[in-house]
Each structure stands twice: as structure tokens, then as C-alpha cells.
Amino acid sequence: HRAGDRRGEFVAVNVGGLDDHVFSDTLFGHRKGAFTGADATRDGLIRLAADGTLFLEEIGEMAPESQARLLRVLDRGEFLPLGSDRTEYSRARIICATNRDLETAVEEGRFRRDLYFRIATYKVRIPALRERTEDIRLILEHLVRTEAERIGRSALPIPPDTLRAIGSRPLRGNVRELQQLVLHALLHQDWDEIPTSRTTASADTHITIERRDGDGPGVIDSNAPDADKEAPDRIAIAHSAADGVTFGERLPTPDALVAELLREADHRHPESRREAAAAIGLSPQAFANRWRRLEPEESVG
């Protein structure tokens, strides 16, 4: 955008999950009185990006009705603000981004074929961060400076050991994962406090949780350190970097698995909600919210 000859603004919006009404109102705006609560005219982002660039993030999550509206803009440059009878024209350049395989989505009927070919005129693939590890130091240094200034903490130098440790992570969250690692380190003012990647766990790391539904004898991993081999209602989940994750004879449901992890974290850290939450990668508030969904007698209020 900055390198081109566009003199307008760069406007970004995440369109993933927006229903058609919100999408239309956000992008195309509305006239006063168009619907209940429309007390004033709203221009919409596409007008704000006139002579500039409109960046639509997560376009692969766009609702079908919104896809049709966007296609009209791309084909003819036309859009209709809510409550207006007059067609307007867009002068914005539109760039879209997604982490979805849109070709597969087209074949499965989840994304319009005509819209795909309209936006795929020129494609740029941004490699995952794990494919360009040479960029990690530059991005980390940038994030340390910007995040330290944003949250009012002192910037930290990046030790070589920390850089190697981060470089060995799978970094499935790409730059957002780096940002969270930087925030964690800045808040603690110590790189040693960054969360450990699961894939770097030692080969003898095991987690044992309890199955409380009483259905079946359960299977205990003999290598799990604290497994109670006499208890018929326990099931082991073993995790190792070498072997991946193995379960007992019967798989627990996702809800049951989450519930047992919450109980295990609470059991190991009964005096500290913060430590219990951190043990399974949650904030204290998220931990409390999930805990409330368990049995009433276990509610922490």
C-alpha cells in the first residue's frame, strides 16, 4: 500500500464470522433510519478506503450471502448502503487474506467459485514462520520493542539460548505465537518464564487423568509416574515427544477431557488459581469460567 500510488487510507477488517447484516453495515454503511437504532448515517469502511486499500482478513470464513455482495463490488465496483436507493461506486483496491484452502472450499461448496477466481487473480503465499526461521530474530526484536512500549515494561535482550529454544518450537501460531511469548516474557521480565512447547517435552512426559463415568475398567499406563493401578475408574493419557499422544482403550469425549484437566490442575495447585490456570495454558478468568461449567458441587463461584 505504501509503495504504491494510492493516496487513500489502508483499512483492515476481519470479516470472518460476520453475519450478512453486520458485514453489509460494516463495509457499505447505512443511511439514517435504515433500521432500528440507525440514528445517524454510517459511511462504511469501503468508502473510508476510497483511493486506498481495503484489506479483508479471514475471507475464507465469509458467509455465503456476503460473498455474493463482495462479488458485485469486485465485478462492477458497485455497492448499496443499507437504506439507500442509490448505487455507489468503490474506488478502493481490495486485498484478501485467508489461512484456508479456498480451492478445496470451492469444491466442497463452501466458497463461491466465481468469487474465488475474482480474488485469485494475483496470489501471494506467506510461508509459515517455521519455514523461514531466519526471520524469527528480526520479528522478536521488533515485537520486544513495540510490546514493551505498549504495556510500559522494560525491553529485554534476547539471549542466544532463548532464540534457539524458540526456533525449535513448531510455531503453529506463527507471529501471533511469538507475540504471546514476548508478552509473557515482558510481564515476568524473564525469558525463562516463557511457556514450554509441548513438542519439546522429554520423551518420558506423561499425564494421568481420572475417568469418572465408571464405564469400563480403564487402562493405566505403567510408565505414568502417579498412576493408581488399583483404581478401576482411571484412564491414562501419555504424551511424549517421540511417540505422540496415546490413550487408553476408550477415548474420552472432549468435554470430559477438559473437565479432567481442570480437576487435575486444581488438585496440583489447590492454593493458587493462577498457578492452576497457568499449568494448562489458561488465564485465571478462563479457568474460572470453564470450572463453573462443571458439576455444581465443584463450582468455585
C-alpha atoms as a PDB file:
ATOM      1  CA  HIS A   1       0.000   0.000   0.000  1.00  0.00           C
ATOM      2  CA  ARG A   2       2.728   2.445   0.976  1.00  0.00           C
ATOM      3  CA  ALA A   3       4.896   1.567  -2.001  1.00  0.00           C
ATOM      4  CA  GLY A   4       2.093   2.168  -4.481  1.00  0.00           C
ATOM      5  CA  ASP A   5       0.491   5.339  -5.774  1.00  0.00           C
ATOM      6  CA  ARG A   6      -2.639   5.097  -3.640  1.00  0.00           C
ATOM      7  CA  ARG A   7      -3.213   8.248  -1.642  1.00  0.00           C
ATOM      8  CA  GLY A   8      -6.127   6.978   0.429  1.00  0.00           C
ATOM      9  CA  GLU A   9      -6.068   5.091   3.702  1.00  0.00           C
ATOM     10  CA  PHE A  10      -5.202   1.467   4.413  1.00  0.00           C
ATOM     11  CA  VAL A  11      -8.282  -0.022   6.117  1.00  0.00           C
ATOM     12  CA  ALA A  12      -8.295  -3.545   7.552  1.00  0.00           C
ATOM     13  CA  VAL A  13     -11.271  -5.584   8.763  1.00  0.00           C
ATOM     14  CA  ASN A  14     -11.681  -9.204   9.853  1.00  0.00           C
ATOM     15  CA  VAL A  15     -14.767 -10.469   8.034  1.00  0.00           C
ATOM     16  CA  GLY A  16     -14.660 -13.998   9.457  1.00  0.00           C
ATOM     17  CA  GLY A  17     -17.845 -14.900  11.307  1.00  0.00           C
ATOM     18  CA  LEU A  18     -19.740 -11.699  10.455  1.00  0.00           C
ATOM     19  CA  ASP A  19     -23.336 -12.344   9.513  1.00  0.00           C
ATOM     20  CA  ASP A  20     -24.588 -10.750   6.319  1.00  0.00           C
ATOM     21  CA  HIS A  21     -26.255  -7.765   8.015  1.00  0.00           C
ATOM     22  CA  VAL A  22     -23.181  -6.851  10.054  1.00  0.00           C
ATOM     23  CA  PHE A  23     -20.933  -7.415   7.034  1.00  0.00           C
ATOM     24  CA  SER A  24     -23.037  -5.108   4.857  1.00  0.00           C
ATOM     25  CA  ASP A  25     -23.280  -2.429   7.510  1.00  0.00           C
ATOM     26  CA  THR A  26     -19.547  -2.574   8.307  1.00  0.00           C
ATOM     27  CA  LEU A  27     -18.381  -2.416   4.704  1.00  0.00           C
ATOM     28  CA  PHE A  28     -21.107  -0.481   2.915  1.00  0.00           C
ATOM     29  CA  GLY A  29     -22.557   1.630   5.717  1.00  0.00           C
ATOM     30  CA  HIS A  30     -26.170   2.736   6.123  1.00  0.00           C
ATOM     31  CA  ARG A  31     -28.414   5.725   5.912  1.00  0.00           C
ATOM     32  CA  LYS A  32     -30.032   7.328   8.935  1.00  0.00           C
ATOM     33  CA  GLY A  33     -33.239   5.495   9.792  1.00  0.00           C
ATOM     34  CA  ALA A  34     -32.359   2.408   7.744  1.00  0.00           C
ATOM     35  CA  PHE A  35     -33.149   0.193  10.740  1.00  0.00           C
ATOM     36  CA  THR A  36     -33.987   0.462  14.431  1.00  0.00           C
ATOM     37  CA  GLY A  37     -31.125   2.219  16.179  1.00  0.00           C
ATOM     38  CA  ALA A  38     -29.689   3.776  12.997  1.00  0.00           C
ATOM     39  CA  ASP A  39     -29.727   7.288  14.447  1.00  0.00           C
ATOM     40  CA  ALA A  40     -27.030   8.588  12.123  1.00  0.00           C
ATOM     41  CA  THR A  41     -25.561   7.837   8.716  1.00  0.00           C
ATOM     42  CA  ARG A  42     -22.580   5.496   8.628  1.00  0.00           C
ATOM     43  CA  ASP A  43     -20.192   5.733   5.711  1.00  0.00           C
ATOM     44  CA  GLY A  44     -18.778   2.191   5.887  1.00  0.00           C
ATOM     45  CA  LEU A  45     -15.204   1.018   5.520  1.00  0.00           C
ATOM     46  CA  ILE A  46     -15.240   0.708   1.743  1.00  0.00           C
ATOM     47  CA  ARG A  47     -15.864   4.433   1.490  1.00  0.00           C
ATOM     48  CA  LEU A  48     -13.225   5.122   4.121  1.00  0.00           C
ATOM     49  CA  ALA A  49     -10.753   3.209   1.939  1.00  0.00           C
ATOM     50  CA  ALA A  50     -11.576   5.269  -1.171  1.00  0.00           C
ATOM     51  CA  ASP A  51      -8.417   5.810  -3.260  1.00  0.00           C
ATOM     52  CA  GLY A  52      -6.713   3.490  -0.786  1.00  0.00           C
ATOM     53  CA  THR A  53      -6.691  -0.187   0.162  1.00  0.00           C
ATOM     54  CA  LEU A  54      -9.340  -2.292   1.883  1.00  0.00           C
ATOM     55  CA  PHE A  55      -7.832  -5.413   3.457  1.00  0.00           C
ATOM     56  CA  LEU A  56     -10.332  -8.213   4.152  1.00  0.00           C
ATOM     57  CA  GLU A  57      -8.888 -10.711   6.607  1.00  0.00           C
ATOM     58  CA  GLU A  58     -10.220 -14.288   7.003  1.00  0.00           C
ATOM     59  CA  ILE A  59     -12.228 -14.136   3.787  1.00  0.00           C
ATOM     60  CA  GLY A  60     -12.473 -17.923   3.841  1.00  0.00           C
ATOM     61  CA  GLU A  61     -14.907 -17.630   6.782  1.00  0.00           C
ATOM     62  CA  MET A  62     -17.265 -15.239   4.992  1.00  0.00           C
ATOM     63  CA  ALA A  63     -20.980 -16.061   4.925  1.00  0.00           C
ATOM     64  CA  PRO A  64     -22.438 -17.086   1.515  1.00  0.00           C
ATOM     65  CA  GLU A  65     -24.693 -14.024   1.301  1.00  0.00           C
ATOM     66  CA  SER A  66     -21.754 -11.732   1.987  1.00  0.00           C
ATOM     67  CA  GLN A  67     -19.718 -13.495  -0.687  1.00  0.00           C
ATOM     68  CA  ALA A  68     -22.341 -12.507  -3.258  1.00  0.00           C
ATOM     69  CA  ARG A  69     -22.249  -8.874  -2.133  1.00  0.00           C
ATOM     70  CA  LEU A  70     -18.476  -8.767  -2.296  1.00  0.00           C
ATOM     71  CA  LEU A  71     -18.510 -10.295  -5.782  1.00  0.00           C
ATOM     72  CA  ARG A  72     -20.687  -7.440  -7.016  1.00  0.00           C
ATOM     73  CA  VAL A  73     -18.185  -4.922  -5.674  1.00  0.00           C
ATOM     74  CA  LEU A  74     -15.270  -6.705  -7.309  1.00  0.00           C
ATOM     75  CA  ASP A  75     -17.048  -7.180 -10.631  1.00  0.00           C
ATOM     76  CA  ARG A  76     -18.614  -3.761 -11.049  1.00  0.00           C
ATOM     77  CA  GLY A  77     -17.277  -1.634  -8.246  1.00  0.00           C
ATOM     78  CA  GLU A  78     -20.880  -1.172  -7.067  1.00  0.00           C
ATOM     79  CA  PHE A  79     -22.350  -1.311  -3.580  1.00  0.00           C
ATOM     80  CA  LEU A  80     -25.603  -0.237  -1.978  1.00  0.00           C
ATOM     81  CA  PRO A  81     -25.589   1.220   1.556  1.00  0.00           C
ATOM     82  CA  LEU A  82     -28.394  -0.090   3.774  1.00  0.00           C
ATOM     83  CA  GLY A  83     -31.484   2.070   3.449  1.00  0.00           C
ATOM     84  CA  SER A  84     -30.279   3.756   0.263  1.00  0.00           C
ATOM     85  CA  ASP A  85     -31.841   3.576  -3.208  1.00  0.00           C
ATOM     86  CA  ARG A  86     -28.767   4.937  -4.933  1.00  0.00           C
ATOM     87  CA  THR A  87     -25.926   2.676  -6.049  1.00  0.00           C
ATOM     88  CA  GLU A  88     -22.493   3.930  -5.128  1.00  0.00           C
ATOM     89  CA  TYR A  89     -19.125   3.032  -6.566  1.00  0.00           C
ATOM     90  CA  SER A  90     -15.970   1.922  -4.809  1.00  0.00           C
ATOM     91  CA  ARG A  91     -12.536   3.247  -5.681  1.00  0.00           C
ATOM     92  CA  ALA A  92     -10.770   1.056  -3.131  1.00  0.00           C
ATOM     93  CA  ARG A  93      -8.232  -1.606  -4.018  1.00  0.00           C
ATOM     94  CA  ILE A  94      -9.272  -4.812  -2.239  1.00  0.00           C
ATOM     95  CA  ILE A  95      -6.804  -7.338  -0.845  1.00  0.00           C
ATOM     96  CA  CYS A  96      -7.993 -10.548   0.806  1.00  0.00           C
ATOM     97  CA  ALA A  97      -6.247 -12.974   3.139  1.00  0.00           C
ATOM     98  CA  THR A  98      -7.077 -16.421   4.482  1.00  0.00           C
ATOM     99  CA  ASN A  99      -5.387 -19.432   6.015  1.00  0.00           C
ATOM    100  CA  ARG A 100      -7.963 -21.719   4.395  1.00  0.00           C
ATOM    101  CA  ASP A 101      -7.505 -23.798   1.262  1.00  0.00           C
ATOM    102  CA  LEU A 102     -10.038 -21.934  -0.862  1.00  0.00           C
ATOM    103  CA  GLU A 103      -9.748 -24.336  -3.791  1.00  0.00           C
ATOM    104  CA  THR A 104     -10.921 -27.150  -1.527  1.00  0.00           C
ATOM    105  CA  ALA A 105     -13.656 -24.907  -0.098  1.00  0.00           C
ATOM    106  CA  VAL A 106     -14.866 -24.234  -3.646  1.00  0.00           C
ATOM    107  CA  GLU A 107     -15.026 -27.942  -4.461  1.00  0.00           C
ATOM    108  CA  GLU A 108     -16.942 -28.588  -1.224  1.00  0.00           C
ATOM    109  CA  GLY A 109     -19.429 -25.814  -1.992  1.00  0.00           C
ATOM    110  CA  ARG A 110     -18.398 -23.604   0.934  1.00  0.00           C
ATOM    111  CA  PHE A 111     -16.946 -20.805  -1.159  1.00  0.00           C
ATOM    112  CA  ARG A 112     -18.255 -19.303  -4.395  1.00  0.00           C
ATOM    113  CA  ARG A 113     -16.291 -20.399  -7.426  1.00  0.00           C
ATOM    114  CA  ASP A 114     -16.805 -17.093  -9.254  1.00  0.00           C
ATOM    115  CA  LEU A 115     -15.631 -15.130  -6.219  1.00  0.00           C
ATOM    116  CA  TYR A 116     -12.555 -17.330  -5.841  1.00  0.00           C
ATOM    117  CA  PHE A 117     -11.452 -16.699  -9.425  1.00  0.00           C
ATOM    118  CA  ARG A 118     -12.137 -12.997  -8.969  1.00  0.00           C
ATOM    119  CA  ILE A 119      -9.897 -12.646  -5.922  1.00  0.00           C
ATOM    120  CA  ALA A 120      -7.247 -15.151  -7.027  1.00  0.00           C
ATOM    121  CA  THR A 121      -6.018 -13.028  -9.922  1.00  0.00           C
ATOM    122  CA  TYR A 122      -2.750 -12.476  -8.096  1.00  0.00           C
ATOM    123  CA  LYS A 123      -1.848 -14.685  -5.161  1.00  0.00           C
ATOM    124  CA  VAL A 124       0.908 -14.212  -2.604  1.00  0.00           C
ATOM    125  CA  ARG A 125       1.747 -17.113  -0.302  1.00  0.00           C
ATOM    126  CA  ILE A 126       3.249 -16.121   3.021  1.00  0.00           C
ATOM    127  CA  PRO A 127       5.272 -19.092   4.292  1.00  0.00           C
ATOM    128  CA  ALA A 128       4.668 -20.290   7.818  1.00  0.00           C
ATOM    129  CA  LEU A 129       7.222 -18.952  10.275  1.00  0.00           C
ATOM    130  CA  ARG A 130       8.697 -22.418  10.782  1.00  0.00           C
ATOM    131  CA  GLU A 131       9.609 -22.336   7.084  1.00  0.00           C
ATOM    132  CA  ARG A 132      11.605 -19.118   7.466  1.00  0.00           C
ATOM    133  CA  THR A 133      13.314 -19.393  10.834  1.00  0.00           C
ATOM    134  CA  GLU A 134      15.869 -16.812   9.788  1.00  0.00           C
ATOM    135  CA  ASP A 135      13.131 -14.195  10.296  1.00  0.00           C
ATOM    136  CA  ILE A 136      12.497 -15.128  13.940  1.00  0.00           C
ATOM    137  CA  ARG A 137      15.190 -12.881  15.428  1.00  0.00           C
ATOM    138  CA  LEU A 138      14.069  -9.843  13.428  1.00  0.00           C
ATOM    139  CA  ILE A 139      10.430 -10.355  14.375  1.00  0.00           C
ATOM    140  CA  LEU A 140      11.273 -10.973  18.032  1.00  0.00           C
ATOM    141  CA  GLU A 141      13.355  -7.802  18.241  1.00  0.00           C
ATOM    142  CA  HIS A 142      10.529  -5.813  16.667  1.00  0.00           C
ATOM    143  CA  LEU A 143       7.922  -7.322  18.998  1.00  0.00           C
ATOM    144  CA  VAL A 144      10.058  -6.741  22.095  1.00  0.00           C
ATOM    145  CA  ARG A 145      10.360  -3.050  21.238  1.00  0.00           C
ATOM    146  CA  THR A 146       6.740  -2.455  20.302  1.00  0.00           C
ATOM    147  CA  GLU A 147       5.121  -4.587  23.034  1.00  0.00           C
ATOM    148  CA  ALA A 148       7.388  -3.206  25.767  1.00  0.00           C
ATOM    149  CA  GLU A 149       6.371   0.314  24.795  1.00  0.00           C
ATOM    150  CA  ARG A 150       2.707  -0.665  24.568  1.00  0.00           C
ATOM    151  CA  ILE A 151       2.475  -2.229  28.033  1.00  0.00           C
ATOM    152  CA  GLY A 152       5.005   0.041  29.753  1.00  0.00           C
ATOM    153  CA  ARG A 153       7.648  -2.589  30.528  1.00  0.00           C
ATOM    154  CA  SER A 154      11.405  -2.589  30.014  1.00  0.00           C
ATOM    155  CA  ALA A 155      12.596  -4.229  26.805  1.00  0.00           C
ATOM    156  CA  LEU A 156      14.585  -7.441  27.263  1.00  0.00           C
ATOM    157  CA  PRO A 157      17.675  -8.547  25.354  1.00  0.00           C
ATOM    158  CA  ILE A 158      17.191 -11.886  23.615  1.00  0.00           C
ATOM    159  CA  PRO A 159      19.778 -14.453  24.798  1.00  0.00           C
ATOM    160  CA  PRO A 160      21.102 -16.901  22.174  1.00  0.00           C
ATOM    161  CA  ASP A 161      19.713 -19.855  24.153  1.00  0.00           C
ATOM    162  CA  THR A 162      16.246 -18.305  24.122  1.00  0.00           C
ATOM    163  CA  LEU A 163      16.446 -17.706  20.392  1.00  0.00           C
ATOM    164  CA  ARG A 164      17.441 -21.332  19.788  1.00  0.00           C
ATOM    165  CA  ALA A 165      14.672 -22.604  22.071  1.00  0.00           C
ATOM    166  CA  ILE A 166      12.031 -20.537  20.296  1.00  0.00           C
ATOM    167  CA  GLY A 167      13.419 -21.557  16.915  1.00  0.00           C
ATOM    168  CA  SER A 168      12.943 -25.226  17.853  1.00  0.00           C
ATOM    169  CA  ARG A 169       9.224 -24.752  18.516  1.00  0.00           C
ATOM    170  CA  PRO A 170       6.729 -25.714  15.793  1.00  0.00           C
ATOM    171  CA  LEU A 171       5.319 -22.148  15.928  1.00  0.00           C
ATOM    172  CA  ARG A 172       1.935 -23.201  14.620  1.00  0.00           C
ATOM    173  CA  GLY A 173       0.603 -19.825  15.740  1.00  0.00           C
ATOM    174  CA  ASN A 174       3.190 -18.022  13.598  1.00  0.00           C
ATOM    175  CA  VAL A 175       3.778 -14.377  14.549  1.00  0.00           C
ATOM    176  CA  ARG A 176       0.849 -14.338  16.978  1.00  0.00           C
ATOM    177  CA  GLU A 177       2.537 -17.117  18.946  1.00  0.00           C
ATOM    178  CA  LEU A 178       5.769 -15.106  19.048  1.00  0.00           C
ATOM    179  CA  GLN A 179       3.808 -12.110  20.276  1.00  0.00           C
ATOM    180  CA  GLN A 180       2.369 -14.105  23.167  1.00  0.00           C
ATOM    181  CA  LEU A 181       5.819 -15.425  24.101  1.00  0.00           C
ATOM    182  CA  VAL A 182       7.175 -11.879  24.102  1.00  0.00           C
ATOM    183  CA  LEU A 183       4.286 -10.590  26.230  1.00  0.00           C
ATOM    184  CA  HIS A 184       4.779 -13.433  28.703  1.00  0.00           C
ATOM    185  CA  ALA A 185       8.493 -12.668  28.994  1.00  0.00           C
ATOM    186  CA  LEU A 186       7.941  -8.918  29.354  1.00  0.00           C
ATOM    187  CA  LEU A 187       5.316  -9.352  32.056  1.00  0.00           C
ATOM    188  CA  HIS A 188       7.663 -11.606  34.041  1.00  0.00           C
ATOM    189  CA  GLN A 189      10.767  -9.675  32.941  1.00  0.00           C
ATOM    190  CA  ASP A 190      12.435 -13.020  32.331  1.00  0.00           C
ATOM    191  CA  TRP A 191      12.728 -15.170  29.198  1.00  0.00           C
ATOM    192  CA  ASP A 192      12.917 -18.269  31.396  1.00  0.00           C
ATOM    193  CA  GLU A 193       9.228 -17.775  32.164  1.00  0.00           C
ATOM    194  CA  ILE A 194       8.001 -18.370  28.593  1.00  0.00           C
ATOM    195  CA  PRO A 195       5.673 -21.384  28.289  1.00  0.00           C
ATOM    196  CA  THR A 196       7.330 -24.613  27.229  1.00  0.00           C
ATOM    197  CA  SER A 197       6.355 -26.060  23.870  1.00  0.00           C
ATOM    198  CA  ARG A 198       4.651 -29.442  24.061  1.00  0.00           C
ATOM    199  CA  THR A 199       6.760 -30.775  21.245  1.00  0.00           C
ATOM    200  CA  THR A 200       9.949 -30.111  23.183  1.00  0.00           C
ATOM    201  CA  ALA A 201       8.815 -32.172  26.143  1.00  0.00           C
ATOM    202  CA  SER A 202      11.024 -35.035  27.195  1.00  0.00           C
ATOM    203  CA  ALA A 203      10.172 -38.475  25.923  1.00  0.00           C
ATOM    204  CA  ASP A 204       9.072 -39.635  29.375  1.00  0.00           C
ATOM    205  CA  THR A 205       6.479 -36.907  29.940  1.00  0.00           C
ATOM    206  CA  HIS A 206       3.124 -38.396  30.947  1.00  0.00           C
ATOM    207  CA  ILE A 207      -0.201 -37.065  32.110  1.00  0.00           C
ATOM    208  CA  THR A 208      -2.606 -39.258  34.014  1.00  0.00           C
ATOM    209  CA  ILE A 209      -6.215 -38.190  34.384  1.00  0.00           C
ATOM    210  CA  GLU A 210      -9.178 -39.818  36.042  1.00  0.00           C
ATOM    211  CA  ARG A 211     -12.209 -41.119  34.186  1.00  0.00           C
ATOM    212  CA  ARG A 212     -15.196 -40.743  36.478  1.00  0.00           C
ATOM    213  CA  ASP A 213     -18.014 -42.108  34.392  1.00  0.00           C
ATOM    214  CA  GLY A 214     -17.345 -45.614  35.726  1.00  0.00           C
ATOM    215  CA  ASP A 215     -17.766 -47.124  32.272  1.00  0.00           C
ATOM    216  CA  GLY A 216     -15.206 -49.871  31.792  1.00  0.00           C
ATOM    217  CA  PRO A 217     -12.088 -50.750  33.702  1.00  0.00           C
ATOM    218  CA  GLY A 218      -9.855 -48.102  32.135  1.00  0.00           C
ATOM    219  CA  VAL A 219      -6.257 -48.647  31.122  1.00  0.00           C
ATOM    220  CA  ILE A 220      -3.337 -47.389  33.183  1.00  0.00           C
ATOM    221  CA  ASP A 221      -0.068 -46.529  31.518  1.00  0.00           C
ATOM    222  CA  SER A 222       2.538 -48.377  33.558  1.00  0.00           C
ATOM    223  CA  ASN A 223       5.057 -45.633  32.845  1.00  0.00           C
ATOM    224  CA  ALA A 224       2.855 -42.854  34.202  1.00  0.00           C
ATOM    225  CA  PRO A 225       4.508 -41.718  37.448  1.00  0.00           C
ATOM    226  CA  ASP A 226       1.466 -41.298  39.691  1.00  0.00           C
ATOM    227  CA  ALA A 227      -0.886 -43.877  38.200  1.00  0.00           C
ATOM    228  CA  ASP A 228      -3.054 -45.680  40.705  1.00  0.00           C
ATOM    229  CA  LYS A 229      -3.126 -49.182  39.220  1.00  0.00           C
ATOM    230  CA  GLU A 230      -5.773 -50.327  41.682  1.00  0.00           C
ATOM    231  CA  ALA A 231      -8.334 -47.710  40.684  1.00  0.00           C
ATOM    232  CA  PRO A 232     -10.798 -49.104  38.119  1.00  0.00           C
ATOM    233  CA  ASP A 233     -12.106 -45.695  37.089  1.00  0.00           C
ATOM    234  CA  ARG A 234      -8.894 -44.103  35.873  1.00  0.00           C
ATOM    235  CA  ILE A 235      -7.615 -43.753  32.357  1.00  0.00           C
ATOM    236  CA  ALA A 236      -4.133 -42.649  31.374  1.00  0.00           C
ATOM    237  CA  ILE A 237      -3.176 -40.241  28.675  1.00  0.00           C
ATOM    238  CA  ALA A 238       0.507 -40.483  27.875  1.00  0.00           C
ATOM    239  CA  HIS A 239       2.286 -37.777  25.944  1.00  0.00           C
ATOM    240  CA  SER A 240       5.806 -37.908  24.636  1.00  0.00           C
ATOM    241  CA  ALA A 241       7.779 -36.067  22.006  1.00  0.00           C
ATOM    242  CA  ALA A 242       8.786 -39.344  20.404  1.00  0.00           C
ATOM    243  CA  ASP A 243       5.510 -41.233  20.428  1.00  0.00           C
ATOM    244  CA  GLY A 244       2.856 -38.521  20.350  1.00  0.00           C
ATOM    245  CA  VAL A 245      -0.300 -38.982  22.409  1.00  0.00           C
ATOM    246  CA  THR A 246      -1.681 -42.376  23.363  1.00  0.00           C
ATOM    247  CA  PHE A 247      -4.970 -43.073  25.094  1.00  0.00           C
ATOM    248  CA  GLY A 248      -6.472 -45.966  26.948  1.00  0.00           C
ATOM    249  CA  GLU A 249      -8.902 -48.413  25.429  1.00  0.00           C
ATOM    250  CA  ARG A 250     -11.750 -45.937  25.288  1.00  0.00           C
ATOM    251  CA  LEU A 251     -11.323 -42.324  24.187  1.00  0.00           C
ATOM    252  CA  PRO A 252     -12.771 -39.647  26.487  1.00  0.00           C
ATOM    253  CA  THR A 253     -15.080 -37.033  24.992  1.00  0.00           C
ATOM    254  CA  PRO A 254     -13.615 -33.525  24.512  1.00  0.00           C
ATOM    255  CA  ASP A 255     -15.761 -32.115  27.327  1.00  0.00           C
ATOM    256  CA  ALA A 256     -14.749 -34.920  29.681  1.00  0.00           C
ATOM    257  CA  LEU A 257     -11.095 -34.425  28.822  1.00  0.00           C
ATOM    258  CA  VAL A 258     -11.261 -30.690  29.515  1.00  0.00           C
ATOM    259  CA  ALA A 259     -13.096 -31.304  32.789  1.00  0.00           C
ATOM    260  CA  GLU A 260     -10.488 -33.781  33.978  1.00  0.00           C
ATOM    261  CA  LEU A 261      -7.624 -31.482  33.062  1.00  0.00           C
ATOM    262  CA  LEU A 262      -9.271 -28.726  35.085  1.00  0.00           C
ATOM    263  CA  ARG A 263      -9.658 -31.031  38.068  1.00  0.00           C
ATOM    264  CA  GLU A 264      -6.080 -32.236  37.782  1.00  0.00           C
ATOM    265  CA  ALA A 265      -4.745 -28.681  37.619  1.00  0.00           C
ATOM    266  CA  ASP A 266      -6.859 -27.726  40.639  1.00  0.00           C
ATOM    267  CA  HIS A 267      -5.639 -30.815  42.510  1.00  0.00           C
ATOM    268  CA  ARG A 268      -1.994 -29.969  41.863  1.00  0.00           C
ATOM    269  CA  HIS A 269      -2.360 -26.280  42.721  1.00  0.00           C
ATOM    270  CA  PRO A 270      -5.172 -26.069  45.307  1.00  0.00           C
ATOM    271  CA  GLU A 271      -3.865 -22.857  46.838  1.00  0.00           C
ATOM    272  CA  SER A 272      -3.432 -20.826  43.667  1.00  0.00           C
ATOM    273  CA  ARG A 273      -5.985 -20.337  40.933  1.00  0.00           C
ATOM    274  CA  ARG A 274      -3.383 -18.517  38.857  1.00  0.00           C
ATOM    275  CA  GLU A 275      -0.937 -21.427  39.022  1.00  0.00           C
ATOM    276  CA  ALA A 276      -3.676 -23.953  38.236  1.00  0.00           C
ATOM    277  CA  ALA A 277      -4.716 -21.941  35.199  1.00  0.00           C
ATOM    278  CA  ALA A 278      -1.125 -21.477  34.027  1.00  0.00           C
ATOM    279  CA  ALA A 279      -0.493 -25.228  34.309  1.00  0.00           C
ATOM    280  CA  ILE A 280      -2.912 -25.860  31.424  1.00  0.00           C
ATOM    281  CA  GLY A 281      -2.310 -22.653  29.498  1.00  0.00           C
ATOM    282  CA  LEU A 282      -5.391 -20.662  30.569  1.00  0.00           C
ATOM    283  CA  SER A 283      -5.874 -17.261  32.129  1.00  0.00           C
ATOM    284  CA  PRO A 284      -7.343 -17.291  35.673  1.00  0.00           C
ATOM    285  CA  GLN A 285     -10.617 -15.872  34.305  1.00  0.00           C
ATOM    286  CA  ALA A 286     -10.840 -18.506  31.569  1.00  0.00           C
ATOM    287  CA  PHE A 287     -10.102 -21.204  34.143  1.00  0.00           C
ATOM    288  CA  ALA A 288     -12.866 -19.915  36.413  1.00  0.00           C
ATOM    289  CA  ASN A 289     -15.351 -19.704  33.542  1.00  0.00           C
ATOM    290  CA  ARG A 290     -14.670 -23.283  32.465  1.00  0.00           C
ATOM    291  CA  TRP A 291     -14.791 -24.504  36.057  1.00  0.00           C
ATOM    292  CA  ARG A 292     -18.295 -23.069  36.501  1.00  0.00           C
ATOM    293  CA  ARG A 293     -19.488 -25.394  33.752  1.00  0.00           C
ATOM    294  CA  LEU A 294     -18.560 -28.455  35.831  1.00  0.00           C
ATOM    295  CA  GLU A 295     -20.793 -30.106  38.438  1.00  0.00           C
ATOM    296  CA  PRO A 296     -22.424 -27.616  40.848  1.00  0.00           C
ATOM    297  CA  GLU A 297     -20.594 -29.066  43.834  1.00  0.00           C
ATOM    298  CA  GLU A 298     -17.267 -28.255  42.198  1.00  0.00           C
ATOM    299  CA  SER A 299     -18.175 -24.698  41.283  1.00  0.00           C
ATOM    300  CA  VAL A 300     -15.786 -22.082  42.580  1.00  0.00           C
ATOM    301  CA  GLY A 301     -18.335 -19.292  42.220  1.00  0.00           C
END
